[in-house]
């Protein structure tokens, strides 16, 4: 891995995009590395939550690496968006292990799109977020037009995309784009604190919950039906047996993750 760092402890993996001289901009190699990292961490039984952040204090991800696609044709542009969504953005959204974005600075373009593909977001007070693609004669291509509207509403998404304006962390929280705003110094520890709460619960049930929530935003899928099926499936797991037994015995559950 040349562009990312991975640190594991206490069932939490912290993935850091490490291209500080490029403000952690997403290039093809970084997207591929992130794909492999997330895929590997999802299979790791010792990892129950993943945090993704950027190196340094300036940027989470300041956008895509424009130099890689400045001379693309229309068909190459379409392939770029399709491949990126498949490898990273849709992949993260549908990961069975919870992914939290710790936004430690600028999250612009593909950076905000990556943060939005995570299951939820926490921002430092100096963070700035936006989708500036129309200033380049483009539109967001990594799911930004869809996820931003889902998170902040159609009107606000239209305004942000059309004006290419950045919003600060407080505004992002008011919009529902981020869950919490803390200082830069507190960001990682605060995020880990939430991740620790997640790791105490059933990883099997959490994976089913992620699938059910995402179903509501998937065309042609009945989210209520997915919820019913996943609720029923939980009854056949060892985690359900442990959870209910622990409750009845008035003790803390120790979930096997099966």
C-alpha atoms as a PDB file:
ATOM      1  CA  UNK A   1       0.000   0.000   0.000  1.00  0.00           C
ATOM      2  CA  UNK A   2       1.635   3.236  -1.164  1.00  0.00           C
ATOM      3  CA  UNK A   3      -1.210   5.672  -0.573  1.00  0.00           C
ATOM      4  CA  UNK A   4      -2.973   4.457   2.549  1.00  0.00           C
ATOM      5  CA  UNK A   5      -2.077   3.420   6.083  1.00  0.00           C
ATOM      6  CA  UNK A   6      -3.964   0.850   8.174  1.00  0.00           C
ATOM      7  CA  UNK A   7      -3.832   0.597  11.946  1.00  0.00           C
ATOM      8  CA  UNK A   8      -5.787  -1.983  13.972  1.00  0.00           C
ATOM      9  CA  UNK A   9      -6.506  -2.049  17.705  1.00  0.00           C
ATOM     10  CA  UNK A  10      -9.411  -3.029  19.962  1.00  0.00           C
ATOM     11  CA  UNK A  11     -11.407  -4.467  17.022  1.00  0.00           C
ATOM     12  CA  UNK A  12     -11.225  -1.110  15.208  1.00  0.00           C
ATOM     13  CA  UNK A  13      -9.305  -0.447  11.993  1.00  0.00           C
ATOM     14  CA  UNK A  14      -8.271   3.094  11.094  1.00  0.00           C
ATOM     15  CA  UNK A  15      -7.647   3.604   7.379  1.00  0.00           C
ATOM     16  CA  UNK A  16      -5.734   6.796   6.608  1.00  0.00           C
ATOM     17  CA  UNK A  17      -5.445   8.162   3.080  1.00  0.00           C
ATOM     18  CA  UNK A  18      -1.832   9.265   3.001  1.00  0.00           C
ATOM     19  CA  UNK A  19      -1.120  11.618   0.108  1.00  0.00           C
ATOM     20  CA  UNK A  20      -0.473  14.840   2.060  1.00  0.00           C
ATOM     21  CA  UNK A  21       1.336  16.620  -0.773  1.00  0.00           C
ATOM     22  CA  UNK A  22      -1.807  16.155  -2.909  1.00  0.00           C
ATOM     23  CA  UNK A  23      -4.209  16.933  -0.025  1.00  0.00           C
ATOM     24  CA  UNK A  24      -5.065  13.214  -0.111  1.00  0.00           C
ATOM     25  CA  UNK A  25      -6.681  13.500  -3.546  1.00  0.00           C
ATOM     26  CA  UNK A  26      -8.139  10.281  -4.922  1.00  0.00           C
ATOM     27  CA  UNK A  27      -6.285   8.856  -7.894  1.00  0.00           C
ATOM     28  CA  UNK A  28      -6.793   5.500  -9.587  1.00  0.00           C
ATOM     29  CA  UNK A  29      -4.154   3.772  -7.455  1.00  0.00           C
ATOM     30  CA  UNK A  30      -5.630   5.055  -4.188  1.00  0.00           C
ATOM     31  CA  UNK A  31      -9.130   3.922  -5.155  1.00  0.00           C
ATOM     32  CA  UNK A  32      -7.797   0.441  -5.924  1.00  0.00           C
ATOM     33  CA  UNK A  33      -5.837   0.308  -2.666  1.00  0.00           C
ATOM     34  CA  UNK A  34      -8.902   1.360  -0.695  1.00  0.00           C
ATOM     35  CA  UNK A  35     -10.977  -1.301  -2.438  1.00  0.00           C
ATOM     36  CA  UNK A  36      -8.529  -4.026  -1.437  1.00  0.00           C
ATOM     37  CA  UNK A  37      -8.162  -2.645   2.085  1.00  0.00           C
ATOM     38  CA  UNK A  38     -11.902  -2.541   2.742  1.00  0.00           C
ATOM     39  CA  UNK A  39     -12.365  -5.989   1.239  1.00  0.00           C
ATOM     40  CA  UNK A  40      -9.628  -7.419   3.441  1.00  0.00           C
ATOM     41  CA  UNK A  41     -10.885  -5.709   6.599  1.00  0.00           C
ATOM     42  CA  UNK A  42     -14.427  -6.923   5.976  1.00  0.00           C
ATOM     43  CA  UNK A  43     -13.130 -10.505   6.013  1.00  0.00           C
ATOM     44  CA  UNK A  44     -11.084  -9.964   9.181  1.00  0.00           C
ATOM     45  CA  UNK A  45     -13.035 -11.404  12.154  1.00  0.00           C
ATOM     46  CA  UNK A  46     -11.013  -9.204  14.516  1.00  0.00           C
ATOM     47  CA  UNK A  47     -12.289  -5.985  12.896  1.00  0.00           C
ATOM     48  CA  UNK A  48     -15.779  -4.897  13.959  1.00  0.00           C
ATOM     49  CA  UNK A  49     -15.655  -1.249  12.831  1.00  0.00           C
ATOM     50  CA  UNK A  50     -13.639   0.813  10.351  1.00  0.00           C
ATOM     51  CA  UNK A  51     -12.755   4.506  10.518  1.00  0.00           C
ATOM     52  CA  UNK A  52     -11.513   6.301   7.419  1.00  0.00           C
ATOM     53  CA  UNK A  53      -9.708   9.632   7.607  1.00  0.00           C
ATOM     54  CA  UNK A  54      -7.047  11.686   5.853  1.00  0.00           C
ATOM     55  CA  UNK A  55      -3.456  12.352   6.837  1.00  0.00           C
ATOM     56  CA  UNK A  56      -2.521  15.732   8.239  1.00  0.00           C
ATOM     57  CA  UNK A  57      -4.847  18.477   9.426  1.00  0.00           C
ATOM     58  CA  UNK A  58      -5.806  20.129   6.135  1.00  0.00           C
ATOM     59  CA  UNK A  59      -7.776  17.558   4.217  1.00  0.00           C
ATOM     60  CA  UNK A  60      -9.842  14.401   4.467  1.00  0.00           C
ATOM     61  CA  UNK A  61      -9.783  14.130   0.678  1.00  0.00           C
ATOM     62  CA  UNK A  62      -9.620  17.347  -1.335  1.00  0.00           C
ATOM     63  CA  UNK A  63     -11.117  15.742  -4.447  1.00  0.00           C
ATOM     64  CA  UNK A  64     -10.132  13.532  -7.337  1.00  0.00           C
ATOM     65  CA  UNK A  65      -6.790  13.783  -9.099  1.00  0.00           C
ATOM     66  CA  UNK A  66      -7.860  15.925 -12.062  1.00  0.00           C
ATOM     67  CA  UNK A  67      -4.602  15.373 -13.930  1.00  0.00           C
ATOM     68  CA  UNK A  68      -5.583  11.739 -14.468  1.00  0.00           C
ATOM     69  CA  UNK A  69      -8.727  12.468 -16.488  1.00  0.00           C
ATOM     70  CA  UNK A  70      -8.351  15.989 -17.921  1.00  0.00           C
ATOM     71  CA  UNK A  71      -8.052  14.631 -21.483  1.00  0.00           C
ATOM     72  CA  UNK A  72     -10.629  11.810 -21.274  1.00  0.00           C
ATOM     73  CA  UNK A  73     -13.304  11.244 -23.896  1.00  0.00           C
ATOM     74  CA  UNK A  74     -16.995  10.921 -23.035  1.00  0.00           C
ATOM     75  CA  UNK A  75     -16.805   7.138 -22.999  1.00  0.00           C
ATOM     76  CA  UNK A  76     -13.660   7.169 -20.864  1.00  0.00           C
ATOM     77  CA  UNK A  77     -15.428   9.492 -18.432  1.00  0.00           C
ATOM     78  CA  UNK A  78     -18.393   7.161 -18.180  1.00  0.00           C
ATOM     79  CA  UNK A  79     -16.079   4.210 -17.532  1.00  0.00           C
ATOM     80  CA  UNK A  80     -14.211   6.211 -14.876  1.00  0.00           C
ATOM     81  CA  UNK A  81     -17.418   6.895 -12.953  1.00  0.00           C
ATOM     82  CA  UNK A  82     -18.771   3.356 -13.315  1.00  0.00           C
ATOM     83  CA  UNK A  83     -15.530   1.708 -12.248  1.00  0.00           C
ATOM     84  CA  UNK A  84     -15.033   4.081  -9.329  1.00  0.00           C
ATOM     85  CA  UNK A  85     -18.532   3.514  -8.025  1.00  0.00           C
ATOM     86  CA  UNK A  86     -18.115  -0.245  -8.302  1.00  0.00           C
ATOM     87  CA  UNK A  87     -14.652  -0.432  -6.723  1.00  0.00           C
ATOM     88  CA  UNK A  88     -15.068   2.029  -3.875  1.00  0.00           C
ATOM     89  CA  UNK A  89     -18.177   4.119  -3.337  1.00  0.00           C
ATOM     90  CA  UNK A  90     -20.910   1.492  -3.717  1.00  0.00           C
ATOM     91  CA  UNK A  91     -18.520  -1.048  -2.223  1.00  0.00           C
ATOM     92  CA  UNK A  92     -18.124   0.975   0.994  1.00  0.00           C
ATOM     93  CA  UNK A  93     -21.840   1.747   1.249  1.00  0.00           C
ATOM     94  CA  UNK A  94     -22.679  -1.951   1.108  1.00  0.00           C
ATOM     95  CA  UNK A  95     -19.832  -3.197   3.294  1.00  0.00           C
ATOM     96  CA  UNK A  96     -21.124  -5.410   6.102  1.00  0.00           C
ATOM     97  CA  UNK A  97     -18.629  -3.885   8.550  1.00  0.00           C
ATOM     98  CA  UNK A  98     -19.606  -0.366   9.705  1.00  0.00           C
ATOM     99  CA  UNK A  99     -17.518   2.412   8.160  1.00  0.00           C
ATOM    100  CA  UNK A 100     -17.315   5.836   9.816  1.00  0.00           C
ATOM    101  CA  UNK A 101     -15.807   8.849   8.057  1.00  0.00           C
ATOM    102  CA  UNK A 102     -13.717  11.089  10.309  1.00  0.00           C
ATOM    103  CA  UNK A 103     -13.609  14.250   8.201  1.00  0.00           C
ATOM    104  CA  UNK A 104     -10.507  16.107   9.318  1.00  0.00           C
ATOM    105  CA  UNK A 105     -10.482  19.017   6.873  1.00  0.00           C
ATOM    106  CA  UNK A 106     -11.474  19.577   3.243  1.00  0.00           C
ATOM    107  CA  UNK A 107     -13.858  16.960   1.841  1.00  0.00           C
ATOM    108  CA  UNK A 108     -14.457  18.101  -1.710  1.00  0.00           C
ATOM    109  CA  UNK A 109     -15.700  16.368  -4.832  1.00  0.00           C
ATOM    110  CA  UNK A 110     -14.710  12.714  -4.650  1.00  0.00           C
ATOM    111  CA  UNK A 111     -13.697  13.260  -1.034  1.00  0.00           C
ATOM    112  CA  UNK A 112     -17.198  14.255   0.009  1.00  0.00           C
ATOM    113  CA  UNK A 113     -18.569  11.443  -2.136  1.00  0.00           C
ATOM    114  CA  UNK A 114     -16.348   8.981  -0.256  1.00  0.00           C
ATOM    115  CA  UNK A 115     -17.484  10.377   3.091  1.00  0.00           C
ATOM    116  CA  UNK A 116     -21.126  10.105   2.003  1.00  0.00           C
ATOM    117  CA  UNK A 117     -20.667   6.470   1.002  1.00  0.00           C
ATOM    118  CA  UNK A 118     -19.645   5.683   4.587  1.00  0.00           C
ATOM    119  CA  UNK A 119     -22.382   4.650   7.002  1.00  0.00           C
ATOM    120  CA  UNK A 120     -22.145   7.948   8.877  1.00  0.00           C
ATOM    121  CA  UNK A 121     -19.827  10.914   9.306  1.00  0.00           C
ATOM    122  CA  UNK A 122     -18.109  12.924  12.054  1.00  0.00           C
ATOM    123  CA  UNK A 123     -16.333  16.186  11.252  1.00  0.00           C
ATOM    124  CA  UNK A 124     -13.689  18.353  12.829  1.00  0.00           C
ATOM    125  CA  UNK A 125     -14.693  21.967  13.393  1.00  0.00           C
ATOM    126  CA  UNK A 126     -12.343  23.141  10.621  1.00  0.00           C
ATOM    127  CA  UNK A 127     -13.846  20.828   7.995  1.00  0.00           C
ATOM    128  CA  UNK A 128     -15.224  22.224   4.732  1.00  0.00           C
ATOM    129  CA  UNK A 129     -17.432  20.198   2.417  1.00  0.00           C
ATOM    130  CA  UNK A 130     -18.628  20.665  -1.128  1.00  0.00           C
ATOM    131  CA  UNK A 131     -19.084  19.311  -4.649  1.00  0.00           C
ATOM    132  CA  UNK A 132     -17.280  21.759  -6.969  1.00  0.00           C
ATOM    133  CA  UNK A 133     -17.448  19.655 -10.139  1.00  0.00           C
ATOM    134  CA  UNK A 134     -19.523  22.153 -12.167  1.00  0.00           C
ATOM    135  CA  UNK A 135     -16.590  24.603 -11.988  1.00  0.00           C
ATOM    136  CA  UNK A 136     -14.739  22.066 -14.152  1.00  0.00           C
ATOM    137  CA  UNK A 137     -17.619  21.515 -16.556  1.00  0.00           C
ATOM    138  CA  UNK A 138     -18.485  18.222 -14.854  1.00  0.00           C
ATOM    139  CA  UNK A 139     -21.040  16.837 -12.442  1.00  0.00           C
ATOM    140  CA  UNK A 140     -20.323  14.597  -9.442  1.00  0.00           C
ATOM    141  CA  UNK A 141     -19.683  11.121 -10.826  1.00  0.00           C
ATOM    142  CA  UNK A 142     -19.076   8.965  -7.777  1.00  0.00           C
ATOM    143  CA  UNK A 143     -22.630   8.982  -6.442  1.00  0.00           C
ATOM    144  CA  UNK A 144     -22.656  12.576  -5.229  1.00  0.00           C
ATOM    145  CA  UNK A 145     -25.871  13.647  -6.972  1.00  0.00           C
ATOM    146  CA  UNK A 146     -27.703  10.731  -5.385  1.00  0.00           C
ATOM    147  CA  UNK A 147     -26.278  10.497  -1.853  1.00  0.00           C
ATOM    148  CA  UNK A 148     -26.190  14.241  -1.165  1.00  0.00           C
ATOM    149  CA  UNK A 149     -29.892  14.557  -1.985  1.00  0.00           C
ATOM    150  CA  UNK A 150     -30.660  11.548   0.217  1.00  0.00           C
ATOM    151  CA  UNK A 151     -28.771  13.063   3.139  1.00  0.00           C
ATOM    152  CA  UNK A 152     -29.614  16.780   2.977  1.00  0.00           C
ATOM    153  CA  UNK A 153     -32.719  16.920   0.772  1.00  0.00           C
ATOM    154  CA  UNK A 154     -33.213  17.754  -2.891  1.00  0.00           C
ATOM    155  CA  UNK A 155     -33.245  21.551  -2.585  1.00  0.00           C
ATOM    156  CA  UNK A 156     -30.075  21.850  -0.550  1.00  0.00           C
ATOM    157  CA  UNK A 157     -28.311  19.308  -2.757  1.00  0.00           C
ATOM    158  CA  UNK A 158     -29.300  21.236  -5.886  1.00  0.00           C
ATOM    159  CA  UNK A 159     -27.998  24.487  -4.390  1.00  0.00           C
ATOM    160  CA  UNK A 160     -24.684  22.962  -3.259  1.00  0.00           C
ATOM    161  CA  UNK A 161     -24.076  21.290  -6.620  1.00  0.00           C
ATOM    162  CA  UNK A 162     -25.158  24.244  -8.779  1.00  0.00           C
ATOM    163  CA  UNK A 163     -23.245  26.900  -6.833  1.00  0.00           C
ATOM    164  CA  UNK A 164     -20.237  24.642  -6.141  1.00  0.00           C
ATOM    165  CA  UNK A 165     -20.158  26.289  -2.713  1.00  0.00           C
ATOM    166  CA  UNK A 166     -18.444  24.815   0.323  1.00  0.00           C
ATOM    167  CA  UNK A 167     -20.255  24.522   3.638  1.00  0.00           C
ATOM    168  CA  UNK A 168     -18.620  24.503   7.046  1.00  0.00           C
ATOM    169  CA  UNK A 169     -18.911  21.744   9.639  1.00  0.00           C
ATOM    170  CA  UNK A 170     -21.681  23.428  11.634  1.00  0.00           C
ATOM    171  CA  UNK A 171     -23.813  23.881   8.527  1.00  0.00           C
ATOM    172  CA  UNK A 172     -23.127  20.272   7.535  1.00  0.00           C
ATOM    173  CA  UNK A 173     -24.384  19.139  10.931  1.00  0.00           C
ATOM    174  CA  UNK A 174     -27.486  21.315  10.633  1.00  0.00           C
ATOM    175  CA  UNK A 175     -28.133  19.806   7.194  1.00  0.00           C
ATOM    176  CA  UNK A 176     -27.788  16.258   8.568  1.00  0.00           C
ATOM    177  CA  UNK A 177     -24.703  15.609   6.460  1.00  0.00           C
ATOM    178  CA  UNK A 178     -22.559  14.885   9.537  1.00  0.00           C
ATOM    179  CA  UNK A 179     -23.663  13.496  12.898  1.00  0.00           C
ATOM    180  CA  UNK A 180     -21.216  15.297  15.174  1.00  0.00           C
ATOM    181  CA  UNK A 181     -18.723  18.169  15.076  1.00  0.00           C
ATOM    182  CA  UNK A 182     -15.706  18.148  17.403  1.00  0.00           C
ATOM    183  CA  UNK A 183     -12.307  19.809  17.467  1.00  0.00           C
ATOM    184  CA  UNK A 184      -9.499  18.564  15.251  1.00  0.00           C
ATOM    185  CA  UNK A 185      -7.694  17.261  18.349  1.00  0.00           C
ATOM    186  CA  UNK A 186     -10.750  15.319  19.554  1.00  0.00           C
ATOM    187  CA  UNK A 187     -11.837  13.909  16.206  1.00  0.00           C
ATOM    188  CA  UNK A 188     -10.146  10.523  16.135  1.00  0.00           C
ATOM    189  CA  UNK A 189     -10.679   9.697  19.818  1.00  0.00           C
ATOM    190  CA  UNK A 190     -14.324  10.789  19.630  1.00  0.00           C
ATOM    191  CA  UNK A 191     -14.871   8.645  16.534  1.00  0.00           C
ATOM    192  CA  UNK A 192     -13.148   5.686  18.175  1.00  0.00           C
ATOM    193  CA  UNK A 193     -15.463   6.118  21.161  1.00  0.00           C
ATOM    194  CA  UNK A 194     -18.488   5.607  18.916  1.00  0.00           C
ATOM    195  CA  UNK A 195     -16.756   2.702  17.165  1.00  0.00           C
ATOM    196  CA  UNK A 196     -16.155   1.028  20.549  1.00  0.00           C
ATOM    197  CA  UNK A 197     -19.903   1.164  21.241  1.00  0.00           C
ATOM    198  CA  UNK A 198     -20.493  -0.524  17.889  1.00  0.00           C
ATOM    199  CA  UNK A 199     -17.981  -3.299  18.566  1.00  0.00           C
ATOM    200  CA  UNK A 200     -19.840  -4.249  21.764  1.00  0.00           C
ATOM    201  CA  UNK A 201     -22.909  -5.234  19.740  1.00  0.00           C
ATOM    202  CA  UNK A 202     -23.674  -8.136  17.415  1.00  0.00           C
ATOM    203  CA  UNK A 203     -21.675  -7.777  14.199  1.00  0.00           C
ATOM    204  CA  UNK A 204     -24.097 -10.165  12.496  1.00  0.00           C
ATOM    205  CA  UNK A 205     -27.105  -8.048  13.431  1.00  0.00           C
ATOM    206  CA  UNK A 206     -25.305  -4.842  12.423  1.00  0.00           C
ATOM    207  CA  UNK A 207     -24.537  -6.282   8.972  1.00  0.00           C
ATOM    208  CA  UNK A 208     -28.216  -7.177   8.562  1.00  0.00           C
ATOM    209  CA  UNK A 209     -29.233  -3.674   9.681  1.00  0.00           C
ATOM    210  CA  UNK A 210     -26.881  -2.026   7.166  1.00  0.00           C
ATOM    211  CA  UNK A 211     -28.389  -4.140   4.401  1.00  0.00           C
ATOM    212  CA  UNK A 212     -31.934  -3.279   5.457  1.00  0.00           C
ATOM    213  CA  UNK A 213     -31.326   0.474   5.729  1.00  0.00           C
ATOM    214  CA  UNK A 214     -29.565   0.560   2.343  1.00  0.00           C
ATOM    215  CA  UNK A 215     -32.466  -1.324   0.766  1.00  0.00           C
ATOM    216  CA  UNK A 216     -34.692   1.735   1.236  1.00  0.00           C
ATOM    217  CA  UNK A 217     -32.425   3.642  -1.156  1.00  0.00           C
ATOM    218  CA  UNK A 218     -32.177   0.919  -3.797  1.00  0.00           C
ATOM    219  CA  UNK A 219     -34.501   1.134  -6.797  1.00  0.00           C
ATOM    220  CA  UNK A 220     -36.846  -1.821  -7.187  1.00  0.00           C
ATOM    221  CA  UNK A 221     -36.159  -3.168  -3.683  1.00  0.00           C
ATOM    222  CA  UNK A 222     -38.788  -3.221  -0.922  1.00  0.00           C
ATOM    223  CA  UNK A 223     -36.906  -2.128   2.197  1.00  0.00           C
ATOM    224  CA  UNK A 224     -39.649  -3.347   4.525  1.00  0.00           C
ATOM    225  CA  UNK A 225     -39.439  -6.797   2.986  1.00  0.00           C
ATOM    226  CA  UNK A 226     -35.658  -6.854   3.394  1.00  0.00           C
ATOM    227  CA  UNK A 227     -36.104  -5.829   7.028  1.00  0.00           C
ATOM    228  CA  UNK A 228     -38.614  -8.617   7.645  1.00  0.00           C
ATOM    229  CA  UNK A 229     -36.357 -11.231   6.052  1.00  0.00           C
ATOM    230  CA  UNK A 230     -33.245 -10.007   7.860  1.00  0.00           C
ATOM    231  CA  UNK A 231     -35.102  -9.817  11.173  1.00  0.00           C
ATOM    232  CA  UNK A 232     -36.125 -13.439  10.732  1.00  0.00           C
ATOM    233  CA  UNK A 233     -32.626 -14.489   9.709  1.00  0.00           C
ATOM    234  CA  UNK A 234     -31.236 -13.091  12.969  1.00  0.00           C
ATOM    235  CA  UNK A 235     -33.204 -15.718  14.900  1.00  0.00           C
ATOM    236  CA  UNK A 236     -31.023 -18.431  13.384  1.00  0.00           C
ATOM    237  CA  UNK A 237     -27.727 -16.923  14.556  1.00  0.00           C
ATOM    238  CA  UNK A 238     -25.517 -17.697  17.519  1.00  0.00           C
ATOM    239  CA  UNK A 239     -25.447 -13.982  18.297  1.00  0.00           C
ATOM    240  CA  UNK A 240     -29.225 -14.015  18.822  1.00  0.00           C
ATOM    241  CA  UNK A 241     -28.936 -16.953  21.207  1.00  0.00           C
ATOM    242  CA  UNK A 242     -26.157 -15.242  23.153  1.00  0.00           C
ATOM    243  CA  UNK A 243     -27.906 -11.868  23.199  1.00  0.00           C
ATOM    244  CA  UNK A 244     -31.219 -13.162  24.486  1.00  0.00           C
ATOM    245  CA  UNK A 245     -29.586 -15.549  26.962  1.00  0.00           C
ATOM    246  CA  UNK A 246     -27.405 -12.762  28.352  1.00  0.00           C
ATOM    247  CA  UNK A 247     -30.426 -10.486  28.700  1.00  0.00           C
ATOM    248  CA  UNK A 248     -32.407 -13.105  30.597  1.00  0.00           C
ATOM    249  CA  UNK A 249     -29.407 -13.919  32.770  1.00  0.00           C
ATOM    250  CA  UNK A 250     -28.844 -10.177  33.400  1.00  0.00           C
ATOM    251  CA  UNK A 251     -25.270 -10.197  32.166  1.00  0.00           C
ATOM    252  CA  UNK A 252     -23.329  -8.547  29.358  1.00  0.00           C
ATOM    253  CA  UNK A 253     -23.490 -10.417  26.063  1.00  0.00           C
ATOM    254  CA  UNK A 254     -20.296 -11.720  24.505  1.00  0.00           C
ATOM    255  CA  UNK A 255     -21.175 -12.090  20.852  1.00  0.00           C
ATOM    256  CA  UNK A 256     -19.350 -14.759  18.808  1.00  0.00           C
ATOM    257  CA  UNK A 257     -20.125 -12.944  15.559  1.00  0.00           C
ATOM    258  CA  UNK A 258     -21.883 -15.929  14.009  1.00  0.00           C
END
